[in-house]
Amino acid sequence: MGEGWKQPEPERTNRRSRGSRSRRKHAKPMVSVNALSIVDKHRPRARIRLAMTGRIFSPEASLRSEPASQCGGVSDCTPAGQTERIRTDFMAMVSHDLRTPLAAIKEALSLLSETAAGRLDDRQRRYLTIAREEIDRLNRMIDNLVEVSRMDSGKLILHRDTVDLPELLSTAIERLSLLVSKRNLIVERNMPSRLPPVMGDRDRLIRVFINLLDNAIKNSLPGGTIRVDIGFVDPGSSLPAEKGTIAGAGYVQVTVSDDGPGIPPEFLDRIFGKFERVDPSGSGIGLGLAIVRSLVEMHHGKVWAESKPGQGARFHFILPIGENS
């Protein structure tokens, strides 16, 4: 070795760079969730596996217009389509995880009401009633989330049969009886003495009644009146001939009216959209009327609203009469 020879310094910079890249390569992705969008902070364009579904979503796949099979089975591989898919899966997961604890809480409250009813004073009974009302409200919200999730995924199947609308209406009113009593409301029913059955899915049509009545309860003044009218659609009317209805079929019309503040004209069409609310500060998440529209249209019916500010609102829907009626 020559006198002036020195051992070269190790390539610390490159080694650190390679080590850093290696650590980044094997590090677990840091995933953040914001408004139902998912971002990998280390590899923002990399594929991300969702734990809730096991599906893989890739922004790169959507940009290259890859087949649906490479987008986790989702037909819409655009960023907007993936976001909607994530939102649907998220709602389904949250809804499923909330049902079990809510059912346990409701059962505990029922047992408490039955076993300790004689030892509770008026204030304590009122607290129990409020708790039951809030649990019922949360259950209705979860039902709506589950219904929307099924609709968006194409998994909602109607089990059609001839059903009695007055009986479905009575079931819906009974399920909302606590809310009706709390606001001291009157629910009036007006219908023919003999009304033919309609063709439909019993559980889904009860959901239609519950969502419309729940909307009327929220918007009615305390001590007010909600009116439900059921009658026949005039065969000469243009309603049975509209798009999506069954040509030549007889129809029944249901109208749910309230005496609340009414709906501004610009909202009459928008209120049937998802997450749409006239009053953003009001209760609910804006899915009830969207579900009503989807379910009624799946039954070959039609739904619409009429209102004048300060004069309440009227929600109408039509359904086909049963085939053997």
Protein backbone atom coordinates (compact mmCIF):
# COMPACT_ATOMS: atom_id res chain seq x y z
CA MET A 1 0.00 0.00 0.00
CA GLY A 2 1.28 3.46 -0.81
CA GLU A 3 1.84 6.02 1.88
CA GLY A 4 -0.87 8.27 0.60
CA TRP A 5 -3.52 5.57 0.27
CA LYS A 6 -6.65 5.92 2.39
CA GLN A 7 -9.54 3.49 2.75
CA PRO A 8 -12.49 4.92 0.90
CA GLU A 9 -15.42 6.11 2.97
CA PRO A 10 -18.49 3.85 2.78
CA GLU A 11 -21.29 5.07 0.61
CA ARG A 12 -23.36 6.14 3.56
CA THR A 13 -25.68 8.30 1.56
CA ASN A 14 -26.60 5.54 -0.89
CA ARG A 15 -26.82 2.97 1.88
CA ARG A 16 -29.22 5.16 3.82
CA SER A 17 -31.21 5.75 0.66
CA ARG A 18 -31.41 2.03 -0.09
CA GLY A 19 -32.31 1.28 3.54
CA SER A 20 -34.94 3.97 3.55
CA ARG A 21 -36.44 2.60 0.35
CA SER A 22 -36.36 -0.91 1.81
CA ARG A 23 -38.06 0.20 4.99
CA ARG A 24 -40.70 2.04 2.99
CA LYS A 25 -41.18 -1.03 0.82
CA HIS A 26 -41.84 -3.34 3.75
CA ALA A 27 -43.55 -0.86 6.05
CA LYS A 28 -47.24 -1.25 6.65
CA PRO A 29 -49.22 1.30 4.66
CA MET A 30 -50.36 4.28 6.68
CA VAL A 31 -53.98 4.57 5.75
CA SER A 32 -56.06 7.56 6.70
CA VAL A 33 -59.81 7.84 6.28
CA ASN A 34 -61.35 11.20 5.57
CA ALA A 35 -64.90 11.54 4.29
CA LEU A 36 -64.83 7.88 3.26
CA SER A 37 -61.80 8.37 0.98
CA ILE A 38 -58.75 6.17 1.61
CA VAL A 39 -55.18 7.33 0.98
CA ASP A 40 -51.87 5.44 1.33
CA LYS A 41 -49.44 8.15 2.48
CA HIS A 42 -46.34 6.26 1.27
CA ARG A 43 -47.75 5.04 -2.03
CA PRO A 44 -50.73 7.22 -2.97
CA ARG A 45 -51.23 5.40 -6.27
CA ALA A 46 -50.84 1.89 -4.87
CA ARG A 47 -53.60 -0.63 -4.48
CA ILE A 48 -55.33 -0.56 -1.11
CA ARG A 49 -57.10 -3.60 0.36
CA LEU A 50 -60.20 -2.73 2.37
CA ALA A 51 -60.49 -4.82 5.50
CA MET A 52 -64.25 -4.46 5.50
CA THR A 53 -64.76 -6.23 2.18
CA GLY A 54 -61.46 -7.69 1.03
CA ARG A 55 -61.90 -5.92 -2.32
CA ILE A 56 -58.98 -4.14 -3.93
CA PHE A 57 -59.37 -0.65 -5.35
CA SER A 58 -56.67 0.88 -7.50
CA PRO A 59 -56.63 4.46 -8.84
CA GLU A 60 -54.13 3.24 -11.47
CA ALA A 61 -56.58 0.61 -12.67
CA SER A 62 -59.29 3.18 -13.18
CA LEU A 63 -56.95 5.50 -15.05
CA ARG A 64 -55.92 2.67 -17.38
CA SER A 65 -59.56 1.56 -17.79
CA GLU A 66 -58.75 -1.99 -16.69
CA PRO A 67 -61.49 -4.63 -16.72
CA ALA A 68 -63.90 -4.78 -13.79
CA SER A 69 -62.28 -8.03 -12.60
CA GLN A 70 -59.12 -6.06 -11.81
CA CYS A 71 -61.09 -3.50 -9.85
CA GLY A 72 -62.39 -5.85 -7.21
CA GLY A 73 -65.47 -6.80 -9.21
CA VAL A 74 -66.73 -3.23 -9.35
CA SER A 75 -68.18 -2.30 -12.72
CA ASP A 76 -67.44 1.41 -12.29
CA CYS A 77 -63.65 1.75 -11.91
CA THR A 78 -63.63 5.54 -12.02
CA PRO A 79 -62.57 7.37 -8.85
CA ALA A 80 -66.17 8.49 -8.33
CA GLY A 81 -67.42 4.93 -8.69
CA GLN A 82 -64.83 3.64 -6.24
CA THR A 83 -65.73 6.32 -3.72
CA GLU A 84 -69.40 5.34 -3.96
CA ARG A 85 -68.44 1.68 -3.50
CA ILE A 86 -66.40 2.54 -0.40
CA ARG A 87 -69.27 4.59 0.99
CA THR A 88 -71.70 1.70 0.47
CA ASP A 89 -69.39 -0.84 2.10
CA PHE A 90 -68.74 1.51 4.99
CA MET A 91 -72.46 1.99 5.63
CA ALA A 92 -73.05 -1.76 5.52
CA MET A 93 -70.25 -2.44 7.99
CA VAL A 94 -71.29 0.27 10.45
CA SER A 95 -74.94 -0.76 10.26
CA HIS A 96 -74.12 -4.39 10.98
CA ASP A 97 -71.85 -3.55 13.93
CA LEU A 98 -74.43 -1.24 15.52
CA ARG A 99 -77.36 -3.66 15.47
CA THR A 100 -76.10 -6.04 18.17
CA PRO A 101 -75.39 -3.50 20.94
CA LEU A 102 -78.61 -1.61 20.21
CA ALA A 103 -80.62 -4.82 20.47
CA ALA A 104 -79.00 -5.57 23.83
CA ILE A 105 -79.71 -2.07 25.14
CA LYS A 106 -83.34 -2.23 24.02
CA GLU A 107 -83.83 -5.62 25.69
CA ALA A 108 -82.27 -4.33 28.93
CA LEU A 109 -84.60 -1.32 28.95
CA SER A 110 -87.62 -3.54 28.35
CA LEU A 111 -86.65 -5.80 31.27
CA LEU A 112 -86.07 -2.79 33.49
CA SER A 113 -89.48 -1.36 32.60
CA GLU A 114 -91.21 -4.66 33.37
CA THR A 115 -89.43 -5.53 36.61
CA ALA A 116 -89.15 -2.09 38.19
CA ALA A 117 -92.27 -0.37 36.88
CA GLY A 118 -93.88 -0.16 40.31
CA ARG A 119 -90.82 1.39 41.94
CA LEU A 120 -90.20 4.14 39.37
CA ASP A 121 -91.46 7.67 39.77
CA ASP A 122 -92.78 9.77 36.89
CA ARG A 123 -89.41 11.33 36.11
CA GLN A 124 -87.65 7.95 35.95
CA ARG A 125 -90.37 6.52 33.70
CA ARG A 126 -90.00 9.52 31.43
CA TYR A 127 -86.26 8.88 31.16
CA LEU A 128 -86.91 5.27 30.19
CA THR A 129 -89.38 6.38 27.54
CA ILE A 130 -86.87 8.83 26.08
CA ALA A 131 -84.23 6.09 25.95
CA ARG A 132 -86.63 3.75 24.12
CA GLU A 133 -87.52 6.51 21.64
CA GLU A 134 -83.88 7.20 20.87
CA ILE A 135 -83.08 3.51 20.38
CA ASP A 136 -86.04 3.17 18.02
CA ARG A 137 -84.82 6.23 16.11
CA LEU A 138 -81.31 4.76 15.79
CA ASN A 139 -82.77 1.46 14.62
CA ARG A 140 -84.75 3.26 11.91
CA MET A 141 -81.58 5.02 10.76
CA ILE A 142 -79.73 1.71 10.64
CA ASP A 143 -82.59 0.11 8.70
CA ASN A 144 -82.33 2.91 6.15
CA LEU A 145 -78.54 2.51 5.89
CA VAL A 146 -78.91 -1.23 5.34
CA GLU A 147 -81.63 -0.69 2.73
CA VAL A 148 -79.52 1.83 0.80
CA SER A 149 -76.52 -0.51 0.94
CA ARG A 150 -78.58 -3.36 -0.51
CA MET A 151 -79.99 -1.14 -3.24
CA ASP A 152 -76.57 0.17 -4.26
CA SER A 153 -75.10 -3.32 -4.35
CA GLY A 154 -78.00 -4.71 -6.40
CA LYS A 155 -78.79 -7.29 -3.70
CA LEU A 156 -82.27 -6.04 -2.83
CA ILE A 157 -84.84 -8.65 -3.91
CA LEU A 158 -88.58 -8.06 -3.62
CA HIS A 159 -90.78 -10.92 -2.40
CA ARG A 160 -94.05 -10.01 -4.07
CA ASP A 161 -97.45 -11.12 -2.89
CA THR A 162 -100.90 -9.62 -2.48
CA VAL A 163 -100.78 -7.36 0.58
CA ASP A 164 -103.41 -5.36 2.47
CA LEU A 165 -102.42 -1.67 2.61
CA PRO A 166 -104.60 -0.74 5.63
CA GLU A 167 -102.97 -3.53 7.64
CA LEU A 168 -99.48 -2.34 6.64
CA LEU A 169 -100.42 1.22 7.60
CA SER A 170 -101.60 0.06 11.04
CA THR A 171 -98.30 -1.78 11.58
CA ALA A 172 -96.30 1.32 10.66
CA ILE A 173 -98.35 3.57 12.97
CA GLU A 174 -97.92 1.11 15.84
CA ARG A 175 -94.14 1.10 15.41
CA LEU A 176 -94.11 4.91 15.57
CA SER A 177 -96.63 5.16 18.42
CA LEU A 178 -94.08 6.50 20.92
CA LEU A 179 -93.18 9.39 18.61
CA VAL A 180 -96.84 10.13 17.87
CA SER A 181 -97.67 10.20 21.60
CA LYS A 182 -94.64 12.30 22.47
CA ARG A 183 -95.69 15.07 20.09
CA ASN A 184 -99.38 14.66 20.94
CA LEU A 185 -100.26 14.08 17.28
CA ILE A 186 -103.39 12.62 15.74
CA VAL A 187 -103.13 10.26 12.77
CA GLU A 188 -106.31 10.28 10.71
CA ARG A 189 -107.06 7.55 8.16
CA ASN A 190 -109.45 7.93 5.26
CA MET A 191 -110.03 5.01 2.87
CA PRO A 192 -112.84 3.01 1.22
CA SER A 193 -114.49 0.29 3.31
CA ARG A 194 -113.43 -2.29 0.74
CA LEU A 195 -109.98 -1.79 -0.70
CA PRO A 196 -108.40 -4.43 -2.97
CA PRO A 197 -104.92 -5.74 -2.09
CA VAL A 198 -101.88 -4.54 -4.01
CA MET A 199 -98.95 -6.52 -5.37
CA GLY A 200 -95.80 -5.92 -3.37
CA ASP A 201 -93.22 -6.87 -0.79
CA ARG A 202 -94.84 -6.58 2.64
CA ASP A 203 -91.74 -5.58 4.60
CA ARG A 204 -90.61 -3.04 2.01
CA LEU A 205 -94.02 -1.38 1.83
CA ILE A 206 -94.09 -1.12 5.63
CA ARG A 207 -90.73 0.64 5.28
CA VAL A 208 -92.34 3.08 2.80
CA PHE A 209 -95.12 3.88 5.28
CA ILE A 210 -92.70 4.22 8.21
CA ASN A 211 -90.39 6.60 6.34
CA LEU A 212 -93.25 8.81 5.13
CA LEU A 213 -94.95 8.88 8.55
CA ASP A 214 -91.63 9.51 10.30
CA ASN A 215 -91.04 12.45 7.96
CA ALA A 216 -94.54 13.79 8.68
CA ILE A 217 -94.02 13.44 12.45
CA LYS A 218 -90.76 15.38 12.33
CA ASN A 219 -92.36 18.23 10.40
CA SER A 220 -95.74 18.42 12.16
CA LEU A 221 -96.46 20.96 14.84
CA PRO A 222 -96.99 19.54 18.36
CA GLY A 223 -100.66 18.69 18.75
CA GLY A 224 -101.12 18.66 14.96
CA THR A 225 -102.71 16.15 12.63
CA ILE A 226 -101.24 13.74 10.11
CA ARG A 227 -103.68 12.52 7.49
CA VAL A 228 -103.36 9.34 5.43
CA ASP A 229 -105.71 8.96 2.47
CA ILE A 230 -105.95 5.80 0.35
CA GLY A 231 -108.10 5.63 -2.77
CA PHE A 232 -108.34 4.46 -6.34
CA VAL A 233 -106.52 6.13 -9.22
CA ASP A 234 -108.86 7.23 -11.98
CA PRO A 235 -108.22 4.92 -14.99
CA GLY A 236 -108.44 8.00 -17.21
CA SER A 237 -105.63 9.68 -15.30
CA SER A 238 -102.19 9.98 -16.86
CA LEU A 239 -100.50 8.53 -13.75
CA PRO A 240 -100.83 4.81 -14.65
CA ALA A 241 -99.37 5.53 -18.09
CA GLU A 242 -96.16 7.12 -16.85
CA LYS A 243 -92.72 5.57 -17.24
CA GLY A 244 -92.11 2.55 -15.04
CA THR A 245 -95.78 1.80 -14.38
CA ILE A 246 -97.72 -1.20 -15.69
CA ALA A 247 -99.82 -0.32 -18.72
CA GLY A 248 -103.51 -1.17 -18.30
CA ALA A 249 -103.20 -2.05 -14.59
CA GLY A 250 -105.42 -0.59 -11.90
CA TYR A 251 -103.68 1.53 -9.30
CA VAL A 252 -104.21 2.63 -5.70
CA GLN A 253 -102.97 6.02 -4.47
CA VAL A 254 -101.74 6.79 -0.95
CA THR A 255 -101.29 10.35 0.32
CA VAL A 256 -99.57 11.27 3.59
CA SER A 257 -100.17 14.89 4.63
CA ASP A 258 -98.81 16.99 7.49
CA ASP A 259 -99.53 20.50 8.77
CA GLY A 260 -95.90 21.56 9.10
CA PRO A 261 -94.00 24.48 7.56
CA GLY A 262 -94.04 23.02 4.06
CA ILE A 263 -91.30 22.52 1.50
CA PRO A 264 -89.74 25.29 -0.63
CA PRO A 265 -90.50 24.79 -4.35
CA GLU A 266 -86.83 24.28 -5.25
CA PHE A 267 -86.67 21.25 -2.90
CA LEU A 268 -89.71 19.35 -4.15
CA ASP A 269 -87.66 17.20 -6.52
CA ARG A 270 -84.39 17.21 -4.60
CA ILE A 271 -85.83 15.82 -1.35
CA PHE A 272 -85.99 12.34 -2.92
CA GLY A 273 -82.23 12.30 -3.43
CA LYS A 274 -79.77 10.62 -1.07
CA PHE A 275 -78.61 12.71 1.90
CA GLU A 276 -80.88 15.60 0.90
CA ARG A 277 -82.52 17.57 3.72
CA VAL A 278 -84.53 20.79 3.62
CA ASP A 279 -83.19 21.74 7.04
CA PRO A 280 -79.49 20.74 7.35
CA SER A 281 -79.69 21.14 11.14
CA GLY A 282 -82.68 18.82 11.45
CA SER A 283 -82.67 15.22 12.64
CA GLY A 284 -82.09 12.30 10.30
CA ILE A 285 -79.48 11.65 7.63
CA GLY A 286 -81.53 12.32 4.50
CA LEU A 287 -82.11 8.74 3.31
CA GLY A 288 -85.75 8.09 4.20
CA LEU A 289 -87.38 9.68 1.17
CA ALA A 290 -84.70 8.37 -1.20
CA ILE A 291 -85.58 4.85 -0.03
CA VAL A 292 -89.30 5.57 -0.49
CA ARG A 293 -88.74 6.58 -4.10
CA SER A 294 -86.54 3.57 -4.89
CA LEU A 295 -88.92 1.05 -3.29
CA VAL A 296 -92.05 2.51 -4.88
CA GLU A 297 -90.43 2.53 -8.32
CA MET A 298 -89.29 -1.08 -7.82
CA HIS A 299 -93.00 -1.87 -7.30
CA HIS A 300 -93.85 -0.24 -10.68
CA GLY A 301 -95.22 2.79 -8.90
CA LYS A 302 -94.52 6.49 -8.73
CA VAL A 303 -93.95 8.94 -5.86
CA TRP A 304 -94.07 12.73 -5.77
CA ALA A 305 -94.55 15.62 -3.35
CA GLU A 306 -96.71 18.74 -3.30
CA SER A 307 -96.35 21.68 -0.95
CA LYS A 308 -96.76 25.37 -0.44
CA PRO A 309 -94.58 27.08 2.17
CA GLY A 310 -96.49 27.44 5.41
CA GLN A 311 -99.26 25.04 4.34
CA GLY A 312 -97.76 21.64 5.10
CA ALA A 313 -96.68 18.95 2.65
CA ARG A 314 -98.39 16.06 0.86
CA PHE A 315 -96.52 12.97 -0.29
CA HIS A 316 -98.26 10.76 -2.85
CA PHE A 317 -97.43 7.33 -4.19
CA ILE A 318 -99.27 4.84 -6.37
CA LEU A 319 -99.07 1.04 -6.44
CA PRO A 320 -100.61 -1.55 -8.81
CA ILE A 321 -103.62 -3.52 -7.62
CA GLY A 322 -103.13 -7.25 -7.10
CA GLU A 323 -103.52 -9.45 -10.17
CA ASN A 324 -106.44 -11.46 -8.78
CA SER A 325 -108.37 -8.49 -7.37
